[in-house]
Amino acid sequence: MKKIFNILFLISLILAISVSCSKKNEQKAVFVQDEAIKYNQKFDGAENVIVIDGKKLKNNYIAKIALDELEGRDVLVQMSCEMRIEDSTGAENMVSWKINEPNENFPTLFEDKVAPGKWVYFKSETSSMLGPKRSITLNVIGSQKQNLKIYLKNFKYKIIYDESDETAVKVNWKDAPSLWEAYKDYFDYFGLAVGYKGELNTTEIQDGLKHQVNCYTMGNEFKPDFIFNWQKVTQTTDFIAEDGKTYKVPAKIDFGSAKECLKIAKDSGFIMRGHVLVWHNQTPDWFFRVNYSQNKNDSFVDKQTMNARLEWYIKSVMEFVDEFEKTENNGNHIIKYWDVVNEAVSDNATASKWVRENSNWYSIYNSEEFIINAFRYANKYAPKDVLLTYNDYNEYVPAKRDAICTLVQEIKATKDARIDVVGMQAHVKIDWPSISNASDSFEAAVQKYTSLGVDVQVTELDIANGNLRYNSQKLREVYKKYFEMFIRNRKTDGKNGIIGVTIWGTTDDRTWLNALSEYSGTRQYPLLFNADYSVKPAFYGVLEAAQDAKGN
């Protein structure tokens, strides 16, 4: 590494290049040498001000920071400074700081109109994969340079990137800072999703989880297929449903590995999210058929029978968990949140037709009645301090968002039903949706839900690179922006908001996204940890969001 940059180790031991104008011996290395640029000037009561005299400028740009040494790298550029523009004509000026990387649409650190004679502060970051002869350039657009004087004070910038040589130090997730420690002042939990076999039942995962988070969600083990353990119904027993009638229900539920998942949580001091009671997928087809037939050509049961089966199933699962908590955990809750219904709103929702139709549930009910009933039964059998959630994906798309709002209002209007939380799965892409500042943004959806008097949980967060080339620093930047937004919209006294965040998976090699046909040919790297459980730059983006919030 050439000496033009100072090499620093971040907490992550990701190598970073940092130049700060507060250090006298570094000032002349900030910008490409130009006689128009003077350092260590006194102005407006400040020392160490950089002054750029437009009359002496010979280049098309105002100032430039060369990035030649970083050609071919994915970099994250962080910059902050106070600027003052003096224009002899008294005009307002459009000022921009950009990376001249056309392949990534000229990543922008700052671009805005600046009134003459006033100090303007900005703090920003952007990422880019750098081609040859790239730089950070300062420009004042549409103005005559000879009319300008530019003043910069407290100018700082940092360039962060992965060191790819063999001497780079990797940090294991058990040695890195704790995500839960960073976020415990903002949320009720910070979680990760795991599977049981090969993950939760291994020491590596248990130890890593204990260090990093306080909550986990089982990816599959509490879904109906797993609760029934793929067994067919061979014996039935009587169940008296809420309508007072007696119905035949399975005589036994196996509960698969659910008890082991609860035991690990209890032994390690975790809480859990229960995922999921009602879903159109991973539910045995016989659950919906007359006489629990395994023949898909046999008839569906009527609505009254299905109501009884739904009530019995929710009651059985709640009683199983309650019994474990009483006998094994002194009655303290392990599962504090339940996804009652998952993905029941159509991807093509309209104001009048918004329930998912391609499901056995809809085939029987032909309406949202089963969703309402699920929240009624969950309210009836779940402890009152266990929160009930509706969970869905693409929940930030306006049409689907509005349909989910309609559903929430229906549940809340039903006398004996209860809904406490909207679960925003947040399977997002690195370039979609907009995070903030748009009517169709993720943040707009959060605020739309919380305006209904429910809280929000980010339940299945992963950030796909989609069909784009993976850029570790871009992922870091986007994760940071999401968590800044999550913190900004957290629950506070008297105000509904985000109460918890779960990342959907541990390591990139296990992500479900690589099985999707839409990403065929482009490997996805959407999570915070590498296959060897070392932390990625994205991990530090998440930490930075919390650290910055504490500093404000």
Protein backbone atom coordinates (compact mmCIF):
# COMPACT_ATOMS: atom_id res chain seq x y z
CA MET A 1 0.00 0.00 0.00
CA LYS A 2 1.55 3.31 -1.02
CA LYS A 3 2.22 5.91 1.63
CA ILE A 4 -0.17 8.47 0.16
CA PHE A 5 -2.81 6.96 2.44
CA ASN A 6 -2.74 6.28 6.18
CA ILE A 7 -3.80 2.70 6.95
CA LEU A 8 -6.02 2.28 9.96
CA PHE A 9 -7.64 -0.75 11.53
CA LEU A 10 -11.33 -0.31 12.26
CA ILE A 11 -12.89 -2.34 15.06
CA SER A 12 -13.57 -4.89 12.38
CA LEU A 13 -9.92 -5.03 11.35
CA ILE A 14 -11.16 -4.17 7.87
CA LEU A 15 -8.38 -1.97 6.56
CA ALA A 16 -9.38 1.62 6.02
CA ILE A 17 -7.72 4.62 4.47
CA SER A 18 -8.29 7.82 6.38
CA VAL A 19 -7.24 11.38 5.68
CA SER A 20 -8.22 14.23 8.01
CA CYS A 21 -7.56 17.92 7.55
CA SER A 22 -7.30 18.35 11.30
CA LYS A 23 -3.76 16.95 11.12
CA LYS A 24 -1.35 19.49 9.73
CA ASN A 25 1.06 17.01 8.15
CA GLU A 26 -1.77 15.41 6.18
CA GLN A 27 -3.45 18.50 4.78
CA LYS A 28 -1.40 18.84 1.63
CA ALA A 29 -2.15 15.22 0.73
CA VAL A 30 -5.93 15.78 0.65
CA PHE A 31 -6.45 17.24 -2.80
CA VAL A 32 -4.47 16.91 -5.99
CA GLN A 33 -1.94 19.71 -5.85
CA ASP A 34 -3.20 23.01 -7.20
CA GLU A 35 -1.91 26.53 -6.56
CA ALA A 36 -5.52 27.67 -6.09
CA ILE A 37 -5.83 25.56 -2.91
CA LYS A 38 -4.36 26.87 0.35
CA TYR A 39 -4.30 24.98 3.65
CA ASN A 40 -4.06 26.13 7.28
CA GLN A 41 -5.83 29.40 6.61
CA LYS A 42 -7.62 31.51 9.20
CA PHE A 43 -11.16 32.54 8.33
CA ASP A 44 -14.33 33.48 10.17
CA GLY A 45 -12.81 32.67 13.56
CA ALA A 46 -11.58 29.23 12.52
CA GLU A 47 -8.08 27.90 11.87
CA ASN A 48 -6.97 25.14 9.54
CA VAL A 49 -9.48 26.26 6.91
CA ILE A 50 -8.93 25.17 3.31
CA VAL A 51 -9.42 28.06 0.91
CA ILE A 52 -9.90 27.57 -2.84
CA ASP A 53 -9.51 30.68 -4.96
CA GLY A 54 -11.58 30.34 -8.12
CA LYS A 55 -9.55 32.96 -9.96
CA LYS A 56 -6.48 30.72 -9.84
CA LEU A 57 -8.19 27.48 -10.90
CA LYS A 58 -6.90 26.01 -14.15
CA ASN A 59 -8.94 22.77 -14.16
CA ASN A 60 -12.55 22.07 -15.06
CA TYR A 61 -13.22 20.93 -11.49
CA ILE A 62 -12.85 22.91 -8.25
CA ALA A 63 -10.85 20.25 -6.38
CA LYS A 64 -10.04 16.57 -6.73
CA ILE A 65 -9.01 13.69 -4.44
CA ALA A 66 -7.26 11.02 -6.51
CA LEU A 67 -8.29 7.39 -6.00
CA ASP A 68 -5.81 5.83 -8.45
CA GLU A 69 -4.33 3.58 -5.77
CA LEU A 70 -7.69 1.87 -5.27
CA GLU A 71 -8.43 0.84 -8.86
CA GLY A 72 -10.45 -2.38 -8.99
CA ARG A 73 -11.65 -2.19 -5.38
CA ASP A 74 -15.12 -1.96 -3.89
CA VAL A 75 -14.88 1.06 -1.60
CA LEU A 76 -17.07 2.91 0.85
CA VAL A 77 -16.32 6.63 1.01
CA GLN A 78 -17.34 8.55 4.12
CA MET A 79 -17.04 12.33 4.15
CA SER A 80 -18.02 15.26 6.33
CA CYS A 81 -17.25 18.95 6.15
CA GLU A 82 -18.50 22.49 6.53
CA MET A 83 -18.56 24.50 3.31
CA ARG A 84 -18.97 28.15 2.56
CA ILE A 85 -19.27 29.54 -0.94
CA GLU A 86 -18.58 33.20 -1.64
CA ASP A 87 -19.81 34.37 -5.05
CA SER A 88 -18.96 37.91 -6.04
CA THR A 89 -22.25 38.08 -7.96
CA GLY A 90 -24.26 37.14 -4.87
CA ALA A 91 -25.72 34.10 -6.64
CA GLU A 92 -26.81 30.82 -5.10
CA ASN A 93 -24.65 27.92 -6.28
CA MET A 94 -25.26 24.23 -7.02
CA VAL A 95 -22.47 22.32 -5.30
CA SER A 96 -21.64 18.65 -5.82
CA TRP A 97 -19.18 16.12 -4.41
CA LYS A 98 -19.13 12.99 -6.57
CA ILE A 99 -17.02 9.98 -7.51
CA ASN A 100 -16.35 10.17 -11.26
CA GLU A 101 -17.32 6.54 -11.79
CA PRO A 102 -19.62 6.43 -14.84
CA ASN A 103 -20.17 2.68 -14.51
CA GLU A 104 -22.04 3.31 -11.26
CA ASN A 105 -23.81 6.51 -12.32
CA PHE A 106 -21.40 8.87 -10.54
CA PRO A 107 -22.02 8.06 -6.83
CA THR A 108 -22.92 11.26 -4.98
CA LEU A 109 -21.78 12.40 -1.54
CA PHE A 110 -23.43 15.83 -1.69
CA GLU A 111 -25.41 17.76 -4.27
CA ASP A 112 -27.53 20.76 -3.36
CA LYS A 113 -27.94 24.50 -3.72
CA VAL A 114 -25.82 26.51 -1.30
CA ALA A 115 -26.66 30.11 -0.42
CA PRO A 116 -23.70 32.51 -0.60
CA GLY A 117 -21.90 33.46 2.58
CA LYS A 118 -23.39 30.73 4.79
CA TRP A 119 -21.72 27.67 6.30
CA VAL A 120 -23.33 24.41 5.21
CA TYR A 121 -22.53 21.13 6.97
CA PHE A 122 -22.86 17.71 5.40
CA LYS A 123 -22.00 14.18 6.46
CA SER A 124 -22.44 11.46 3.89
CA GLU A 125 -21.22 8.17 2.49
CA THR A 126 -21.44 6.34 -0.78
CA SER A 127 -19.94 3.22 -2.32
CA SER A 128 -18.45 2.34 -5.66
CA MET A 129 -16.40 -0.20 -7.56
CA LEU A 130 -13.50 1.92 -8.88
CA GLY A 131 -12.19 1.87 -12.42
CA PRO A 132 -8.90 3.45 -13.52
CA LYS A 133 -8.08 7.10 -12.80
CA ARG A 134 -11.09 7.64 -10.56
CA SER A 135 -11.40 10.51 -8.08
CA ILE A 136 -13.70 12.40 -5.75
CA THR A 137 -14.41 15.76 -7.36
CA LEU A 138 -15.84 18.98 -6.01
CA ASN A 139 -17.72 21.09 -8.54
CA VAL A 140 -19.81 24.21 -8.45
CA ILE A 141 -22.20 23.74 -11.33
CA GLY A 142 -23.15 26.52 -13.72
CA SER A 143 -21.07 29.23 -12.02
CA GLN A 144 -18.09 31.20 -13.26
CA LYS A 145 -15.08 29.96 -11.27
CA GLN A 146 -13.40 33.36 -11.27
CA ASN A 147 -16.30 34.68 -9.17
CA LEU A 148 -15.89 32.04 -6.45
CA LYS A 149 -14.06 31.48 -3.22
CA ILE A 150 -14.72 28.18 -1.45
CA TYR A 151 -13.96 27.61 2.23
CA LEU A 152 -13.80 24.15 3.84
CA LYS A 153 -13.37 23.49 7.54
CA ASN A 154 -13.44 20.33 9.65
CA PHE A 155 -12.99 18.41 6.42
CA LYS A 156 -12.71 14.65 6.97
CA TYR A 157 -12.96 11.65 4.72
CA LYS A 158 -12.38 7.94 5.05
CA ILE A 159 -12.20 5.19 2.46
CA ILE A 160 -13.06 1.70 3.65
CA TYR A 161 -12.57 -1.48 1.69
CA ASP A 162 -11.94 -5.20 2.08
CA GLU A 163 -8.28 -6.14 2.17
CA SER A 164 -8.13 -9.17 -0.12
CA ASP A 165 -4.57 -10.35 0.38
CA GLU A 166 -3.69 -13.39 2.46
CA THR A 167 -2.50 -11.33 5.42
CA ALA A 168 -5.96 -9.87 6.06
CA VAL A 169 -7.33 -10.68 9.51
CA LYS A 170 -10.83 -12.16 9.65
CA VAL A 171 -12.95 -11.58 12.71
CA ASN A 172 -15.13 -14.45 13.90
CA TRP A 173 -18.67 -13.50 14.93
CA LYS A 174 -17.91 -14.63 18.49
CA ASP A 175 -15.06 -12.11 18.72
CA ALA A 176 -16.81 -9.20 17.00
CA PRO A 177 -18.98 -6.66 18.84
CA SER A 178 -22.48 -7.85 19.81
CA LEU A 179 -25.42 -6.71 17.70
CA TRP A 180 -27.79 -7.05 20.64
CA GLU A 181 -25.55 -4.94 22.88
CA ALA A 182 -25.49 -2.27 20.19
CA TYR A 183 -29.28 -2.26 19.78
CA LYS A 184 -30.73 -3.11 23.19
CA ASP A 185 -31.49 0.58 23.85
CA TYR A 186 -33.58 0.75 20.67
CA PHE A 187 -35.47 -2.55 20.32
CA ASP A 188 -36.96 -5.33 22.41
CA TYR A 189 -34.88 -7.89 20.56
CA PHE A 190 -32.32 -8.41 17.81
CA GLY A 191 -32.66 -11.79 16.16
CA LEU A 192 -31.37 -14.24 13.59
CA ALA A 193 -33.23 -17.00 11.75
CA VAL A 194 -31.83 -20.52 12.01
CA GLY A 195 -32.67 -24.09 11.13
CA TYR A 196 -32.42 -26.89 13.67
CA LYS A 197 -30.34 -29.64 12.07
CA GLY A 198 -26.84 -28.49 11.22
CA GLU A 199 -27.39 -25.06 12.75
CA LEU A 200 -29.13 -24.61 16.09
CA ASN A 201 -28.09 -28.09 17.24
CA THR A 202 -24.40 -27.22 16.74
CA THR A 203 -22.09 -25.61 19.28
CA GLU A 204 -20.77 -23.06 16.76
CA ILE A 205 -24.22 -21.63 16.07
CA GLN A 206 -25.32 -21.70 19.71
CA ASP A 207 -22.19 -19.89 20.87
CA GLY A 208 -22.38 -17.35 18.06
CA LEU A 209 -26.05 -16.67 18.69
CA LYS A 210 -25.44 -16.23 22.42
CA HIS A 211 -22.83 -13.59 21.69
CA GLN A 212 -24.62 -11.74 18.91
CA VAL A 213 -28.38 -11.74 19.55
CA ASN A 214 -31.06 -12.37 22.18
CA CYS A 215 -33.75 -13.88 19.93
CA TYR A 216 -34.06 -16.40 17.14
CA THR A 217 -36.71 -17.54 14.70
CA MET A 218 -36.83 -21.11 13.47
CA GLY A 219 -36.94 -21.04 9.70
CA ASN A 220 -39.14 -24.14 9.46
CA GLU A 221 -39.53 -26.04 12.70
CA PHE A 222 -42.74 -24.36 13.89
CA LYS A 223 -44.55 -24.55 10.55
CA PRO A 224 -47.46 -27.04 10.37
CA ASP A 225 -45.62 -29.63 8.24
CA PHE A 226 -42.87 -29.80 10.87
CA ILE A 227 -45.28 -29.73 13.83
CA PHE A 228 -47.17 -32.68 12.30
CA ASN A 229 -43.79 -34.21 11.37
CA TRP A 230 -45.21 -35.26 7.97
CA GLN A 231 -47.32 -37.96 9.61
CA LYS A 232 -50.69 -38.95 8.26
CA VAL A 233 -53.72 -39.11 10.54
CA THR A 234 -54.32 -42.67 11.70
CA GLN A 235 -56.43 -41.95 14.80
CA THR A 236 -58.84 -39.20 15.72
CA THR A 237 -60.40 -37.87 18.89
CA ASP A 238 -63.30 -35.58 19.72
CA PHE A 239 -62.92 -31.81 19.96
CA ILE A 240 -65.71 -29.45 21.02
CA ALA A 241 -65.30 -26.29 18.98
CA GLU A 242 -66.51 -22.79 19.80
CA ASP A 243 -69.80 -23.47 18.02
CA GLY A 244 -70.54 -26.14 20.64
CA LYS A 245 -70.39 -28.99 18.16
CA THR A 246 -68.05 -31.98 18.32
CA TYR A 247 -65.55 -32.57 15.52
CA LYS A 248 -62.98 -35.26 14.82
CA VAL A 249 -59.38 -34.04 15.09
CA PRO A 250 -56.03 -35.89 15.03
CA ALA A 251 -55.46 -37.82 18.24
CA LYS A 252 -51.79 -36.87 18.40
CA ILE A 253 -49.36 -34.20 17.25
CA ASP A 254 -45.71 -35.14 17.10
CA PHE A 255 -44.31 -31.57 17.40
CA GLY A 256 -41.17 -32.71 15.58
CA SER A 257 -38.04 -30.93 16.83
CA ALA A 258 -39.97 -27.99 18.31
CA LYS A 259 -39.29 -29.14 21.87
CA GLU A 260 -35.54 -29.26 21.24
CA CYS A 261 -35.64 -25.73 19.81
CA LEU A 262 -37.41 -24.52 22.94
CA LYS A 263 -34.95 -26.34 25.17
CA ILE A 264 -31.93 -24.70 23.54
CA ALA A 265 -33.59 -21.31 23.93
CA LYS A 266 -34.29 -22.01 27.58
CA ASP A 267 -30.75 -23.25 28.31
CA SER A 268 -29.16 -20.28 26.53
CA GLY A 269 -31.46 -17.56 27.77
CA PHE A 270 -33.02 -16.73 24.40
CA ILE A 271 -36.49 -15.58 23.49
CA MET A 272 -38.11 -16.75 20.26
CA ARG A 273 -40.49 -15.66 17.55
CA GLY A 274 -43.03 -18.38 16.74
CA HIS A 275 -43.21 -18.84 12.97
CA VAL A 276 -45.94 -19.70 11.83
CA LEU A 277 -49.46 -20.92 12.70
CA VAL A 278 -51.39 -20.36 9.44
CA TRP A 279 -49.75 -20.42 6.02
CA HIS A 280 -50.84 -21.48 2.55
CA ASN A 281 -47.55 -23.37 2.20
CA GLN A 282 -45.92 -26.14 4.28
CA THR A 283 -49.27 -27.26 5.66
CA PRO A 284 -50.35 -30.86 4.93
CA ASP A 285 -53.03 -31.13 2.27
CA TRP A 286 -54.94 -33.71 4.34
CA PHE A 287 -55.58 -31.00 6.97
CA PHE A 288 -58.19 -29.54 4.58
CA ARG A 289 -59.77 -32.77 3.25
CA VAL A 290 -62.79 -34.79 4.36
CA ASN A 291 -61.66 -37.59 6.71
CA TYR A 292 -58.09 -36.23 6.50
CA SER A 293 -57.74 -37.92 3.15
CA GLN A 294 -54.35 -37.92 1.47
CA ASN A 295 -56.02 -38.07 -1.93
CA LYS A 296 -55.96 -34.56 -3.44
CA ASN A 297 -58.97 -35.44 -5.54
CA ASP A 298 -61.14 -35.84 -2.44
CA SER A 299 -63.37 -33.02 -1.26
CA PHE A 300 -62.46 -30.16 1.00
CA VAL A 301 -64.29 -29.93 4.32
CA ASP A 302 -66.90 -27.22 4.87
CA LYS A 303 -66.11 -23.95 6.63
CA GLN A 304 -67.53 -25.03 9.99
CA THR A 305 -65.30 -28.12 10.06
CA MET A 306 -62.29 -26.10 8.97
CA ASN A 307 -62.96 -23.54 11.71
CA ALA A 308 -62.92 -26.36 14.24
CA ARG A 309 -59.64 -27.77 12.87
CA LEU A 310 -58.07 -24.32 12.86
CA GLU A 311 -59.17 -23.64 16.44
CA TRP A 312 -57.93 -27.06 17.56
CA TYR A 313 -54.55 -26.61 15.89
CA ILE A 314 -53.89 -23.18 17.37
CA LYS A 315 -55.07 -24.35 20.79
CA SER A 316 -52.81 -27.43 20.61
CA VAL A 317 -49.69 -25.47 19.66
CA MET A 318 -50.30 -22.81 22.31
CA GLU A 319 -50.86 -25.43 24.99
CA PHE A 320 -47.70 -27.30 23.96
CA VAL A 321 -45.58 -24.16 24.32
CA ASP A 322 -47.35 -23.11 27.52
CA GLU A 323 -46.73 -26.51 29.12
CA PHE A 324 -43.04 -26.40 28.22
CA GLU A 325 -42.67 -22.90 29.63
CA LYS A 326 -44.39 -23.87 32.86
CA THR A 327 -42.47 -27.10 33.46
CA GLU A 328 -39.07 -26.11 32.05
CA ASN A 329 -38.84 -22.30 32.40
CA ASN A 330 -40.71 -21.40 35.59
CA GLY A 331 -43.63 -20.13 33.54
CA ASN A 332 -41.54 -17.45 31.83
CA HIS A 333 -42.26 -16.99 28.14
CA ILE A 334 -39.76 -18.20 25.59
CA ILE A 335 -41.96 -17.51 22.58
CA LYS A 336 -42.98 -13.88 23.05
CA TYR A 337 -44.28 -13.26 19.53
CA TRP A 338 -46.31 -15.38 17.11
CA ASP A 339 -46.72 -15.03 13.38
CA VAL A 340 -50.38 -15.99 13.42
CA VAL A 341 -50.92 -15.73 9.66
CA ASN A 342 -48.26 -15.57 6.98
CA GLU A 343 -48.51 -14.24 3.40
CA ALA A 344 -52.28 -14.27 3.00
CA VAL A 345 -52.54 -11.05 0.98
CA SER A 346 -52.34 -11.23 -2.81
CA ASP A 347 -49.34 -9.92 -4.70
CA ASN A 348 -51.86 -8.37 -7.11
CA ALA A 349 -54.02 -6.80 -4.44
CA THR A 350 -56.72 -4.29 -5.34
CA ALA A 351 -59.06 -2.37 -3.08
CA SER A 352 -61.84 -4.92 -3.64
CA LYS A 353 -59.92 -8.15 -4.20
CA TRP A 354 -56.88 -8.59 -2.00
CA VAL A 355 -56.85 -12.07 -0.41
CA ARG A 356 -54.42 -14.65 -1.85
CA GLU A 357 -56.53 -17.10 -3.85
CA ASN A 358 -54.04 -19.88 -4.63
CA SER A 359 -54.39 -21.68 -1.31
CA ASN A 360 -56.42 -24.44 0.28
CA TRP A 361 -57.58 -21.90 2.83
CA TYR A 362 -59.15 -19.74 0.15
CA SER A 363 -60.61 -22.77 -1.63
CA ILE A 364 -62.68 -23.45 1.49
CA TYR A 365 -63.48 -19.91 2.67
CA ASN A 366 -63.43 -17.84 -0.54
CA SER A 367 -62.77 -14.82 1.70
CA GLU A 368 -60.54 -13.49 4.49
CA GLU A 369 -62.70 -15.21 7.14
CA PHE A 370 -60.01 -17.77 7.99
CA ILE A 371 -57.51 -14.96 8.66
CA ILE A 372 -59.88 -13.20 11.04
CA ASN A 373 -60.67 -16.50 12.75
CA ALA A 374 -56.98 -17.30 13.20
CA PHE A 375 -56.50 -14.06 15.11
CA ARG A 376 -59.63 -14.77 17.14
CA TYR A 377 -58.38 -18.20 18.15
CA ALA A 378 -54.85 -16.97 18.79
CA ASN A 379 -56.27 -14.29 21.07
CA LYS A 380 -58.36 -16.93 22.83
CA TYR A 381 -55.51 -19.34 23.54
CA ALA A 382 -52.30 -17.31 23.60
CA PRO A 383 -51.17 -15.54 26.79
CA LYS A 384 -52.29 -11.91 26.72
CA ASP A 385 -48.70 -10.66 26.91
CA VAL A 386 -47.62 -12.67 23.86
CA LEU A 387 -47.83 -10.43 20.79
CA LEU A 388 -49.76 -11.56 17.71
CA THR A 389 -48.42 -10.72 14.26
CA TYR A 390 -49.54 -10.69 10.64
CA ASN A 391 -46.43 -11.36 8.51
CA ASP A 392 -45.90 -10.77 4.77
CA TYR A 393 -43.41 -9.97 1.99
CA ASN A 394 -43.50 -7.11 -0.56
CA GLU A 395 -45.24 -5.38 2.30
CA TYR A 396 -43.83 -2.03 1.16
CA VAL A 397 -45.43 -2.18 -2.32
CA PRO A 398 -48.26 0.38 -2.11
CA ALA A 399 -51.14 -1.83 -3.32
CA LYS A 400 -50.18 -4.73 -1.08
CA ARG A 401 -49.33 -2.37 1.79
CA ASP A 402 -52.80 -0.85 1.61
CA ALA A 403 -54.41 -4.31 1.49
CA ILE A 404 -52.52 -5.32 4.62
CA CYS A 405 -53.80 -2.14 6.26
CA THR A 406 -57.35 -3.16 5.32
CA LEU A 407 -56.74 -6.56 6.92
CA VAL A 408 -55.35 -5.01 10.11
CA GLN A 409 -58.39 -2.77 10.40
CA GLU A 410 -60.75 -5.73 9.93
CA ILE A 411 -59.00 -7.72 12.63
CA LYS A 412 -59.02 -4.77 15.01
CA ALA A 413 -62.74 -4.25 14.34
CA THR A 414 -63.53 -7.87 15.25
CA LYS A 415 -64.62 -7.99 18.87
CA ASP A 416 -62.76 -11.10 20.06
CA ALA A 417 -59.74 -10.85 17.73
CA ARG A 418 -56.39 -9.25 18.52
CA ILE A 419 -53.46 -8.09 16.38
CA ASP A 420 -50.46 -6.33 17.92
CA VAL A 421 -47.84 -6.28 15.19
CA VAL A 422 -47.36 -6.18 11.43
CA GLY A 423 -44.36 -8.29 10.45
CA MET A 424 -42.47 -6.73 7.55
CA GLN A 425 -40.41 -9.56 6.10
CA ALA A 426 -38.09 -7.10 4.34
CA HIS A 427 -36.71 -9.39 1.64
CA VAL A 428 -35.31 -6.40 -0.23
CA LYS A 429 -32.72 -5.74 -2.92
CA ILE A 430 -29.68 -3.56 -2.71
CA ASP A 431 -31.30 -1.11 -5.15
CA TRP A 432 -35.00 -1.60 -4.34
CA PRO A 433 -37.27 -0.40 -2.78
CA SER A 434 -36.54 3.18 -1.82
CA ILE A 435 -35.66 3.18 1.88
CA SER A 436 -36.94 6.66 2.72
CA ASN A 437 -38.25 9.94 1.34
CA ALA A 438 -40.80 8.54 -1.10
CA SER A 439 -44.49 7.70 -0.87
CA ASP A 440 -43.75 4.11 -1.90
CA SER A 441 -40.67 3.70 0.33
CA PHE A 442 -40.08 1.14 3.04
CA GLU A 443 -40.26 3.88 5.65
CA ALA A 444 -43.61 5.08 4.32
CA ALA A 445 -44.98 1.54 4.82
CA VAL A 446 -43.66 1.39 8.40
CA GLN A 447 -45.41 4.65 9.20
CA LYS A 448 -48.62 3.58 7.48
CA TYR A 449 -48.82 0.46 9.64
CA THR A 450 -47.96 2.14 12.91
CA SER A 451 -50.60 4.80 12.23
CA LEU A 452 -53.16 1.99 12.66
CA GLY A 453 -52.15 1.48 16.29
CA VAL A 454 -49.96 -1.59 15.82
CA ASP A 455 -46.22 -2.02 16.16
CA VAL A 456 -43.87 -3.31 13.46
CA GLN A 457 -41.32 -6.10 13.53
CA VAL A 458 -38.78 -6.50 10.74
CA THR A 459 -39.04 -10.27 10.63
CA GLU A 460 -36.95 -11.68 7.77
CA LEU A 461 -34.44 -9.07 6.64
CA ASP A 462 -31.97 -9.92 3.90
CA ILE A 463 -30.60 -7.64 1.18
CA ALA A 464 -30.07 -9.35 -2.17
CA ASN A 465 -27.61 -8.04 -4.73
CA GLY A 466 -30.18 -9.36 -7.24
CA ASN A 467 -28.84 -9.39 -10.77
CA LEU A 468 -26.10 -6.93 -9.87
CA ARG A 469 -22.48 -7.79 -9.19
CA TYR A 470 -21.94 -8.19 -5.44
CA ASN A 471 -20.30 -5.15 -3.88
CA SER A 472 -19.45 -5.67 -0.21
CA GLN A 473 -19.21 -1.96 0.54
CA LYS A 474 -22.47 -1.16 -1.21
CA LEU A 475 -24.16 -3.80 0.95
CA ARG A 476 -22.56 -2.21 4.00
CA GLU A 477 -23.91 1.19 2.99
CA VAL A 478 -27.44 -0.09 2.38
CA TYR A 479 -27.59 -2.08 5.64
CA LYS A 480 -26.54 1.05 7.49
CA LYS A 481 -29.26 3.11 5.82
CA TYR A 482 -31.93 0.54 6.68
CA PHE A 483 -30.91 0.45 10.32
CA GLU A 484 -30.76 4.22 10.53
CA MET A 485 -34.35 4.19 9.33
CA PHE A 486 -35.32 1.42 11.77
CA ILE A 487 -33.91 3.42 14.68
CA ARG A 488 -35.65 6.56 13.47
CA ASN A 489 -38.98 4.68 13.50
CA ARG A 490 -38.51 2.70 16.70
CA LYS A 491 -41.26 2.40 19.28
CA THR A 492 -41.17 5.09 21.94
CA ASP A 493 -43.43 5.98 24.86
CA GLY A 494 -46.88 6.76 23.55
CA LYS A 495 -45.95 6.02 19.94
CA ASN A 496 -46.11 2.80 17.96
CA GLY A 497 -43.02 1.81 16.04
CA ILE A 498 -40.48 -0.88 15.25
CA ILE A 499 -39.89 -3.16 18.24
CA GLY A 500 -37.46 -5.72 16.86
CA VAL A 501 -35.39 -6.85 13.87
CA THR A 502 -34.53 -10.35 12.66
CA ILE A 503 -31.94 -11.07 9.97
CA TRP A 504 -33.13 -14.01 7.86
CA GLY A 505 -30.17 -16.35 8.17
CA THR A 506 -26.68 -16.62 9.58
CA THR A 507 -24.19 -17.11 6.74
CA ASP A 508 -24.34 -16.33 3.02
CA ASP A 509 -23.79 -19.94 1.99
CA ARG A 510 -27.08 -20.89 3.66
CA THR A 511 -29.29 -18.15 2.23
CA TRP A 512 -32.54 -19.28 0.63
CA LEU A 513 -32.11 -16.62 -2.08
CA ASN A 514 -29.63 -18.71 -4.08
CA ALA A 515 -32.38 -21.25 -4.74
CA LEU A 516 -34.60 -18.66 -6.45
CA SER A 517 -34.81 -18.89 -10.24
CA GLU A 518 -34.94 -15.10 -10.60
CA TYR A 519 -31.34 -14.90 -9.38
CA SER A 520 -30.06 -17.81 -11.44
CA GLY A 521 -26.51 -17.10 -12.54
CA THR A 522 -25.87 -14.36 -9.95
CA ARG A 523 -24.82 -15.58 -6.53
CA GLN A 524 -26.38 -13.72 -3.62
CA TYR A 525 -24.51 -12.42 -0.56
CA PRO A 526 -27.34 -10.88 1.49
CA LEU A 527 -26.33 -11.46 5.12
CA LEU A 528 -23.89 -10.24 7.77
CA PHE A 529 -21.58 -13.25 8.07
CA ASN A 530 -19.40 -15.23 5.67
CA ALA A 531 -19.51 -19.02 5.40
CA ASP A 532 -16.70 -19.29 7.97
CA TYR A 533 -18.69 -17.12 10.43
CA SER A 534 -16.40 -14.14 9.95
CA VAL A 535 -18.09 -10.77 9.89
CA LYS A 536 -18.65 -8.90 6.65
CA PRO A 537 -18.45 -5.15 6.05
CA ALA A 538 -22.28 -5.12 6.21
CA PHE A 539 -22.02 -6.17 9.86
CA TYR A 540 -20.14 -2.97 10.63
CA GLY A 541 -22.65 -0.92 8.70
CA VAL A 542 -25.31 -2.18 11.11
CA LEU A 543 -23.12 -1.36 14.10
CA GLU A 544 -22.31 2.11 12.77
CA ALA A 545 -25.99 3.00 12.53
CA ALA A 546 -26.39 2.31 16.26
CA GLN A 547 -23.15 4.09 17.16
CA ASP A 548 -24.07 7.16 15.13
CA ALA A 549 -27.52 7.29 16.74
CA LYS A 550 -25.97 7.30 20.20
CA GLY A 551 -23.74 10.17 19.16
CA ASN A 552 -26.65 12.35 18.03
